[in-house]
Amino acid sequence: MDKSTWWNVELETKPDFEKAMERIYAWYENEIIDRVPIRFSSHNEQNEHIVTDIKHHKNYEERWFDAEYQIDLFLSELKNKKFLAETMPVYFPNLGPEVYSAFYGGEMTYKEVTSYYSPIIKDWDEMAGLKLNRKSKFWLNWKNLLTWP
């Protein structure tokens, strides 16, 4: 296990980062140091303390598509959060569970903590007509969330 290839990361809320990485790398080498690596989070934990005063949005879709807001939200959620075991902070650019479907057509309806897709395929024979739309607002906003700033 060559530690020189690891990221040199110092996290205020994760003082045991190096030990956690040792466990993770050992696991992928079919070894166990003192226990298996453990990662956990509560369901929808990122929504337990949504910061609504960072920026005003006129609707949910605008908020979901606002990359700057999403980064600010992620950073605000890191404050005073403890990362136990091998749990690490992870930024997850998210436009909803079915956004990949929207890349091929159809619409998404955005709510506070999730979104819903309106299917455009009513019969499996229609599948042949599907085509990735790299000009759709969903594709462009998803790319924006991945590459911001």
N, C-alpha and C. Protein backbone atom coordinates (compact mmCIF):
# COMPACT_ATOMS: atom_id res chain seq x y z
N MET A 1 0.85 -1.17 0.00
CA MET A 1 0.00 0.00 0.00
C MET A 1 0.90 1.24 0.00
N ASP A 2 1.01 1.91 -1.14
CA ASP A 2 1.89 3.06 -1.29
C ASP A 2 1.13 4.35 -0.98
N LYS A 3 1.35 4.90 0.22
CA LYS A 3 0.63 6.10 0.65
C LYS A 3 1.01 7.33 -0.16
N SER A 4 2.11 7.31 -0.89
CA SER A 4 2.52 8.47 -1.67
C SER A 4 1.57 8.76 -2.82
N THR A 5 0.76 7.78 -3.21
CA THR A 5 -0.19 7.99 -4.31
C THR A 5 -1.54 8.50 -3.82
N TRP A 6 -1.72 8.59 -2.50
CA TRP A 6 -2.99 9.04 -1.94
C TRP A 6 -3.11 10.55 -2.07
N TRP A 7 -4.35 11.00 -2.04
CA TRP A 7 -4.60 12.44 -1.97
C TRP A 7 -4.12 12.94 -0.63
N ASN A 8 -3.52 14.12 -0.62
CA ASN A 8 -3.12 14.75 0.63
C ASN A 8 -4.26 15.68 1.05
N VAL A 9 -5.15 15.16 1.87
CA VAL A 9 -6.36 15.89 2.24
C VAL A 9 -6.39 16.11 3.75
N GLU A 10 -6.67 17.33 4.14
CA GLU A 10 -6.89 17.62 5.56
C GLU A 10 -8.30 18.17 5.70
N LEU A 11 -9.11 17.46 6.45
CA LEU A 11 -10.49 17.88 6.68
C LEU A 11 -10.68 18.16 8.16
N GLU A 12 -11.13 19.37 8.45
CA GLU A 12 -11.35 19.76 9.84
C GLU A 12 -12.28 18.79 10.57
N THR A 13 -13.30 18.34 9.88
CA THR A 13 -14.30 17.48 10.51
C THR A 13 -13.99 15.99 10.30
N LYS A 14 -12.80 15.68 9.76
CA LYS A 14 -12.42 14.29 9.54
C LYS A 14 -10.94 14.10 9.91
N PRO A 15 -10.62 14.22 11.21
CA PRO A 15 -9.21 14.13 11.62
C PRO A 15 -8.58 12.76 11.39
N ASP A 16 -9.40 11.71 11.26
CA ASP A 16 -8.88 10.36 11.05
C ASP A 16 -8.88 9.97 9.57
N PHE A 17 -8.75 10.94 8.69
CA PHE A 17 -8.80 10.71 7.25
C PHE A 17 -7.79 9.65 6.81
N GLU A 18 -6.55 9.77 7.26
CA GLU A 18 -5.52 8.84 6.82
C GLU A 18 -5.84 7.40 7.23
N LYS A 19 -6.29 7.19 8.45
CA LYS A 19 -6.65 5.85 8.91
C LYS A 19 -7.84 5.31 8.10
N ALA A 20 -8.79 6.17 7.82
CA ALA A 20 -9.95 5.77 7.01
C ALA A 20 -9.49 5.32 5.63
N MET A 21 -8.57 6.07 5.03
CA MET A 21 -8.07 5.71 3.70
C MET A 21 -7.28 4.40 3.75
N GLU A 22 -6.55 4.16 4.83
CA GLU A 22 -5.84 2.89 4.97
C GLU A 22 -6.82 1.73 4.92
N ARG A 23 -7.94 1.87 5.64
CA ARG A 23 -8.95 0.81 5.65
C ARG A 23 -9.55 0.60 4.26
N ILE A 24 -9.83 1.71 3.56
CA ILE A 24 -10.43 1.62 2.23
C ILE A 24 -9.47 0.96 1.25
N TYR A 25 -8.23 1.41 1.21
CA TYR A 25 -7.25 0.83 0.29
C TYR A 25 -6.99 -0.64 0.63
N ALA A 26 -6.92 -0.97 1.91
CA ALA A 26 -6.72 -2.37 2.30
C ALA A 26 -7.88 -3.24 1.79
N TRP A 27 -9.10 -2.73 1.94
CA TRP A 27 -10.28 -3.47 1.49
C TRP A 27 -10.18 -3.81 0.01
N TYR A 28 -9.76 -2.84 -0.81
CA TYR A 28 -9.65 -3.08 -2.25
C TYR A 28 -8.47 -3.98 -2.60
N GLU A 29 -7.60 -4.24 -1.63
CA GLU A 29 -6.50 -5.19 -1.83
C GLU A 29 -6.81 -6.51 -1.13
N ASN A 30 -8.10 -6.71 -0.82
CA ASN A 30 -8.57 -7.93 -0.14
C ASN A 30 -7.90 -8.15 1.21
N GLU A 31 -7.69 -7.06 1.92
CA GLU A 31 -7.10 -7.12 3.25
C GLU A 31 -8.00 -6.36 4.22
N ILE A 32 -7.81 -6.64 5.50
CA ILE A 32 -8.51 -5.91 6.55
C ILE A 32 -7.47 -5.51 7.58
N ILE A 33 -7.41 -4.22 7.93
CA ILE A 33 -6.45 -3.75 8.93
C ILE A 33 -6.95 -4.08 10.33
N ASP A 34 -8.05 -3.48 10.73
CA ASP A 34 -8.63 -3.73 12.05
C ASP A 34 -10.13 -3.99 11.96
N ARG A 35 -10.75 -3.58 10.86
CA ARG A 35 -12.16 -3.83 10.59
C ARG A 35 -12.42 -3.43 9.15
N VAL A 36 -13.59 -3.83 8.64
CA VAL A 36 -13.94 -3.44 7.27
C VAL A 36 -14.28 -1.96 7.25
N PRO A 37 -14.11 -1.30 6.11
CA PRO A 37 -14.51 0.11 6.02
C PRO A 37 -16.03 0.24 6.10
N ILE A 38 -16.48 1.31 6.74
CA ILE A 38 -17.91 1.55 6.94
C ILE A 38 -18.23 2.96 6.46
N ARG A 39 -19.27 3.07 5.64
CA ARG A 39 -19.76 4.38 5.20
C ARG A 39 -21.26 4.37 5.38
N PHE A 40 -21.80 5.44 5.93
CA PHE A 40 -23.24 5.49 6.17
C PHE A 40 -23.72 6.93 6.15
N SER A 41 -25.02 7.07 5.96
CA SER A 41 -25.67 8.38 6.06
C SER A 41 -27.15 8.11 6.27
N SER A 42 -27.84 9.11 6.76
CA SER A 42 -29.27 8.94 6.94
C SER A 42 -29.98 9.26 5.64
N HIS A 43 -31.14 8.69 5.45
CA HIS A 43 -31.92 8.91 4.23
C HIS A 43 -32.26 10.39 4.10
N ASN A 44 -31.99 10.95 2.94
CA ASN A 44 -32.26 12.36 2.65
C ASN A 44 -31.62 13.29 3.68
N GLU A 45 -30.47 12.89 4.23
CA GLU A 45 -29.84 13.71 5.26
C GLU A 45 -29.52 15.11 4.75
N GLN A 46 -29.24 15.24 3.44
CA GLN A 46 -28.92 16.56 2.92
C GLN A 46 -30.11 17.50 2.99
N ASN A 47 -31.30 16.95 3.19
CA ASN A 47 -32.51 17.76 3.23
C ASN A 47 -32.98 18.04 4.65
N GLU A 48 -32.26 17.55 5.64
CA GLU A 48 -32.67 17.77 7.03
C GLU A 48 -32.50 19.21 7.46
N HIS A 49 -31.61 19.91 6.80
CA HIS A 49 -31.39 21.31 7.16
C HIS A 49 -31.15 22.13 5.89
N ILE A 50 -32.15 22.14 5.04
CA ILE A 50 -32.07 22.91 3.81
C ILE A 50 -31.91 24.38 4.15
N VAL A 51 -30.94 24.99 3.54
CA VAL A 51 -30.68 26.41 3.78
C VAL A 51 -31.48 27.20 2.75
N THR A 52 -32.53 27.84 3.22
CA THR A 52 -33.40 28.55 2.28
C THR A 52 -33.06 30.03 2.20
N ASP A 53 -32.22 30.52 3.10
CA ASP A 53 -31.95 31.95 3.09
C ASP A 53 -30.69 32.31 2.31
N ILE A 54 -30.06 31.35 1.64
CA ILE A 54 -28.86 31.66 0.85
C ILE A 54 -29.25 32.52 -0.35
N LYS A 55 -30.31 32.15 -1.04
CA LYS A 55 -30.72 32.86 -2.24
C LYS A 55 -32.19 32.57 -2.49
N HIS A 56 -32.90 33.58 -2.92
CA HIS A 56 -34.33 33.40 -3.20
C HIS A 56 -34.50 32.88 -4.63
N HIS A 57 -35.40 31.91 -4.78
CA HIS A 57 -35.73 31.37 -6.10
C HIS A 57 -37.23 31.47 -6.30
N LYS A 58 -37.63 31.71 -7.54
CA LYS A 58 -39.06 31.86 -7.80
C LYS A 58 -39.80 30.52 -7.87
N ASN A 59 -39.07 29.41 -8.09
CA ASN A 59 -39.70 28.09 -8.10
C ASN A 59 -38.64 27.03 -7.81
N TYR A 60 -39.09 25.79 -7.61
CA TYR A 60 -38.17 24.70 -7.28
C TYR A 60 -37.19 24.42 -8.41
N GLU A 61 -37.65 24.43 -9.64
CA GLU A 61 -36.76 24.14 -10.76
C GLU A 61 -35.60 25.12 -10.81
N GLU A 62 -35.89 26.39 -10.62
CA GLU A 62 -34.83 27.40 -10.62
C GLU A 62 -33.79 27.10 -9.54
N ARG A 63 -34.27 26.68 -8.37
CA ARG A 63 -33.34 26.35 -7.28
C ARG A 63 -32.50 25.13 -7.62
N TRP A 64 -33.12 24.09 -8.18
CA TRP A 64 -32.38 22.88 -8.53
C TRP A 64 -31.33 23.16 -9.60
N PHE A 65 -31.61 24.09 -10.52
CA PHE A 65 -30.69 24.39 -11.62
C PHE A 65 -29.62 25.41 -11.25
N ASP A 66 -29.71 26.02 -10.10
CA ASP A 66 -28.78 27.07 -9.68
C ASP A 66 -27.51 26.44 -9.09
N ALA A 67 -26.46 26.34 -9.92
CA ALA A 67 -25.22 25.68 -9.50
C ALA A 67 -24.57 26.39 -8.31
N GLU A 68 -24.56 27.70 -8.31
CA GLU A 68 -23.95 28.44 -7.20
C GLU A 68 -24.69 28.15 -5.89
N TYR A 69 -26.00 28.14 -5.94
CA TYR A 69 -26.79 27.81 -4.76
C TYR A 69 -26.48 26.40 -4.28
N GLN A 70 -26.41 25.44 -5.21
CA GLN A 70 -26.16 24.05 -4.84
C GLN A 70 -24.80 23.89 -4.15
N ILE A 71 -23.78 24.61 -4.64
CA ILE A 71 -22.46 24.58 -4.00
C ILE A 71 -22.54 25.22 -2.61
N ASP A 72 -23.19 26.38 -2.52
CA ASP A 72 -23.34 27.06 -1.22
C ASP A 72 -24.10 26.17 -0.23
N LEU A 73 -25.11 25.47 -0.71
CA LEU A 73 -25.88 24.56 0.13
C LEU A 73 -24.98 23.43 0.64
N PHE A 74 -24.20 22.85 -0.25
CA PHE A 74 -23.28 21.78 0.14
C PHE A 74 -22.29 22.28 1.19
N LEU A 75 -21.70 23.44 0.96
CA LEU A 75 -20.72 23.99 1.91
C LEU A 75 -21.36 24.29 3.26
N SER A 76 -22.59 24.81 3.25
CA SER A 76 -23.26 25.11 4.52
C SER A 76 -23.58 23.83 5.29
N GLU A 77 -23.86 22.74 4.58
CA GLU A 77 -24.16 21.48 5.25
C GLU A 77 -22.92 20.84 5.87
N LEU A 78 -21.73 21.22 5.42
CA LEU A 78 -20.50 20.67 5.98
C LEU A 78 -20.18 21.23 7.36
N LYS A 79 -20.70 22.41 7.65
CA LYS A 79 -20.41 23.05 8.93
C LYS A 79 -20.97 22.21 10.07
N ASN A 80 -20.12 21.97 11.06
CA ASN A 80 -20.49 21.25 12.28
C ASN A 80 -20.98 19.81 12.03
N LYS A 81 -20.68 19.26 10.87
CA LYS A 81 -21.06 17.87 10.59
C LYS A 81 -19.85 16.98 10.86
N LYS A 82 -20.07 15.88 11.55
CA LYS A 82 -19.01 14.93 11.82
C LYS A 82 -19.07 13.81 10.79
N PHE A 83 -17.92 13.41 10.32
CA PHE A 83 -17.82 12.31 9.37
C PHE A 83 -17.18 11.13 10.09
N LEU A 84 -18.00 10.18 10.48
CA LEU A 84 -17.55 9.05 11.28
C LEU A 84 -17.15 7.89 10.37
N ALA A 85 -16.32 7.01 10.92
CA ALA A 85 -15.83 5.83 10.20
C ALA A 85 -15.22 6.28 8.87
N GLU A 86 -15.62 5.65 7.77
CA GLU A 86 -15.05 6.03 6.46
C GLU A 86 -16.01 6.89 5.65
N THR A 87 -16.94 7.53 6.32
CA THR A 87 -17.85 8.46 5.67
C THR A 87 -17.09 9.76 5.38
N MET A 88 -17.20 10.25 4.17
CA MET A 88 -16.49 11.46 3.74
C MET A 88 -17.50 12.44 3.13
N PRO A 89 -17.18 13.71 3.12
CA PRO A 89 -18.06 14.65 2.41
C PRO A 89 -18.03 14.38 0.92
N VAL A 90 -19.19 14.33 0.32
CA VAL A 90 -19.30 14.06 -1.12
C VAL A 90 -20.27 15.07 -1.72
N TYR A 91 -19.82 15.78 -2.75
CA TYR A 91 -20.72 16.66 -3.49
C TYR A 91 -21.37 15.84 -4.58
N PHE A 92 -22.68 15.85 -4.61
CA PHE A 92 -23.44 15.06 -5.56
C PHE A 92 -24.30 15.99 -6.41
N PRO A 93 -23.82 16.35 -7.61
CA PRO A 93 -24.63 17.22 -8.48
C PRO A 93 -25.87 16.46 -8.93
N ASN A 94 -27.01 16.90 -8.48
CA ASN A 94 -28.22 16.11 -8.63
C ASN A 94 -29.35 16.94 -9.23
N LEU A 95 -29.94 16.43 -10.29
CA LEU A 95 -31.15 17.04 -10.84
C LEU A 95 -32.33 16.09 -10.72
N GLY A 96 -32.21 15.10 -9.86
CA GLY A 96 -33.32 14.20 -9.61
C GLY A 96 -33.04 12.79 -10.06
N PRO A 97 -33.81 11.84 -9.53
CA PRO A 97 -33.56 10.43 -9.78
C PRO A 97 -33.82 9.98 -11.22
N GLU A 98 -34.56 10.73 -11.97
CA GLU A 98 -34.88 10.30 -13.34
C GLU A 98 -34.39 11.30 -14.40
N VAL A 99 -33.38 12.08 -14.06
CA VAL A 99 -32.94 13.11 -14.99
C VAL A 99 -32.39 12.51 -16.29
N TYR A 100 -31.82 11.31 -16.22
CA TYR A 100 -31.31 10.69 -17.45
C TYR A 100 -32.43 10.46 -18.45
N SER A 101 -33.61 10.15 -17.97
CA SER A 101 -34.76 10.01 -18.86
C SER A 101 -35.06 11.33 -19.54
N ALA A 102 -34.95 12.42 -18.79
CA ALA A 102 -35.24 13.75 -19.35
C ALA A 102 -34.22 14.15 -20.41
N PHE A 103 -33.03 13.58 -20.37
CA PHE A 103 -32.04 13.87 -21.42
C PHE A 103 -32.53 13.40 -22.78
N TYR A 104 -33.48 12.49 -22.78
CA TYR A 104 -34.01 11.93 -24.02
C TYR A 104 -35.39 12.47 -24.38
N GLY A 105 -35.87 13.44 -23.62
CA GLY A 105 -37.18 14.02 -23.88
C GLY A 105 -38.06 13.93 -22.65
N GLY A 106 -39.18 14.62 -22.69
CA GLY A 106 -40.06 14.63 -21.55
C GLY A 106 -39.71 15.75 -20.59
N GLU A 107 -40.46 15.85 -19.54
CA GLU A 107 -40.28 16.94 -18.57
C GLU A 107 -40.12 16.40 -17.16
N MET A 108 -39.49 17.20 -16.34
CA MET A 108 -39.33 16.90 -14.93
C MET A 108 -40.16 17.91 -14.14
N THR A 109 -40.74 17.47 -13.06
CA THR A 109 -41.43 18.34 -12.12
C THR A 109 -40.60 18.35 -10.85
N TYR A 110 -40.15 19.52 -10.42
CA TYR A 110 -39.28 19.62 -9.25
C TYR A 110 -40.07 20.02 -8.01
N LYS A 111 -39.74 19.34 -6.91
CA LYS A 111 -40.33 19.61 -5.60
C LYS A 111 -39.21 19.94 -4.62
N GLU A 112 -39.54 20.07 -3.35
CA GLU A 112 -38.56 20.45 -2.32
C GLU A 112 -37.36 19.51 -2.28
N VAL A 113 -37.60 18.19 -2.20
CA VAL A 113 -36.48 17.25 -2.03
C VAL A 113 -36.39 16.17 -3.10
N THR A 114 -37.26 16.18 -4.09
CA THR A 114 -37.17 15.21 -5.16
C THR A 114 -37.80 15.77 -6.42
N SER A 115 -37.77 14.99 -7.49
CA SER A 115 -38.38 15.41 -8.74
C SER A 115 -39.11 14.21 -9.35
N TYR A 116 -39.96 14.50 -10.30
CA TYR A 116 -40.75 13.47 -10.95
C TYR A 116 -40.65 13.66 -12.45
N TYR A 117 -40.53 12.55 -13.16
CA TYR A 117 -40.43 12.57 -14.62
C TYR A 117 -41.76 12.18 -15.23
N SER A 118 -42.15 12.88 -16.27
CA SER A 118 -43.36 12.54 -17.02
C SER A 118 -42.94 11.71 -18.23
N PRO A 119 -43.20 10.42 -18.23
CA PRO A 119 -42.74 9.54 -19.31
C PRO A 119 -43.31 9.94 -20.67
N ILE A 120 -42.49 9.75 -21.69
CA ILE A 120 -42.94 10.04 -23.05
C ILE A 120 -43.15 8.75 -23.85
N ILE A 121 -42.67 7.64 -23.34
CA ILE A 121 -42.83 6.35 -24.02
C ILE A 121 -44.06 5.65 -23.44
N LYS A 122 -45.01 5.42 -24.29
CA LYS A 122 -46.23 4.73 -23.87
C LYS A 122 -46.21 3.26 -24.32
N ASP A 123 -45.38 2.96 -25.33
CA ASP A 123 -45.29 1.62 -25.89
C ASP A 123 -43.81 1.36 -26.18
N TRP A 124 -43.31 0.17 -25.83
CA TRP A 124 -41.89 -0.14 -26.01
C TRP A 124 -41.45 -0.01 -27.47
N ASP A 125 -42.36 -0.11 -28.41
CA ASP A 125 -42.00 0.04 -29.82
C ASP A 125 -41.52 1.45 -30.14
N GLU A 126 -41.85 2.42 -29.28
CA GLU A 126 -41.44 3.80 -29.48
C GLU A 126 -39.98 4.05 -29.06
N MET A 127 -39.34 3.06 -28.44
CA MET A 127 -37.97 3.23 -27.94
C MET A 127 -36.97 3.57 -29.04
N ALA A 128 -37.18 3.05 -30.22
CA ALA A 128 -36.23 3.26 -31.32
C ALA A 128 -36.11 4.75 -31.68
N GLY A 129 -37.13 5.53 -31.39
CA GLY A 129 -37.12 6.95 -31.73
C GLY A 129 -36.42 7.84 -30.71
N LEU A 130 -36.00 7.29 -29.59
CA LEU A 130 -35.34 8.09 -28.56
C LEU A 130 -33.94 8.51 -29.00
N LYS A 131 -33.61 9.75 -28.67
CA LYS A 131 -32.29 10.26 -29.00
C LYS A 131 -31.85 11.23 -27.91
N LEU A 132 -30.59 11.12 -27.51
CA LEU A 132 -30.04 12.02 -26.50
C LEU A 132 -30.10 13.45 -27.02
N ASN A 133 -30.67 14.35 -26.22
CA ASN A 133 -30.79 15.75 -26.60
C ASN A 133 -29.80 16.58 -25.79
N ARG A 134 -28.65 16.85 -26.37
CA ARG A 134 -27.60 17.60 -25.67
C ARG A 134 -27.89 19.10 -25.63
N LYS A 135 -29.03 19.50 -26.14
CA LYS A 135 -29.43 20.91 -26.06
C LYS A 135 -30.59 21.11 -25.08
N SER A 136 -31.04 20.02 -24.45
CA SER A 136 -32.16 20.16 -23.51
C SER A 136 -31.69 20.90 -22.27
N LYS A 137 -32.61 21.57 -21.61
CA LYS A 137 -32.26 22.32 -20.39
C LYS A 137 -31.76 21.38 -19.30
N PHE A 138 -32.21 20.14 -19.31
CA PHE A 138 -31.77 19.19 -18.29
C PHE A 138 -30.31 18.80 -18.50
N TRP A 139 -29.94 18.50 -19.75
CA TRP A 139 -28.56 18.15 -20.06
C TRP A 139 -27.64 19.33 -19.77
N LEU A 140 -28.01 20.51 -20.23
CA LEU A 140 -27.15 21.69 -20.06
C LEU A 140 -26.98 22.06 -18.59
N ASN A 141 -28.05 21.97 -17.80
CA ASN A 141 -27.95 22.31 -16.38
C ASN A 141 -27.20 21.23 -15.60
N TRP A 142 -27.34 19.98 -15.99
CA TRP A 142 -26.59 18.90 -15.34
C TRP A 142 -25.09 19.09 -15.60
N LYS A 143 -24.74 19.41 -16.85
CA LYS A 143 -23.33 19.68 -17.16
C LYS A 143 -22.81 20.87 -16.36
N ASN A 144 -23.65 21.89 -16.20
CA ASN A 144 -23.27 23.08 -15.44
C ASN A 144 -22.99 22.71 -13.98
N LEU A 145 -23.79 21.83 -13.39
CA LEU A 145 -23.58 21.43 -12.01
C LEU A 145 -22.29 20.62 -11.86
N LEU A 146 -21.91 19.88 -12.89
CA LEU A 146 -20.69 19.09 -12.84
C LEU A 146 -19.43 19.92 -13.01
N THR A 147 -19.52 20.99 -13.75
CA THR A 147 -18.31 21.74 -14.12
C THR A 147 -18.21 23.10 -13.45
N TRP A 148 -19.15 23.45 -12.57
CA TRP A 148 -19.13 24.78 -11.94
C TRP A 148 -17.89 24.91 -11.10
N PRO A 149 -17.24 26.00 -11.02
CA PRO A 149 -17.35 27.24 -11.78
C PRO A 149 -16.61 27.16 -13.07
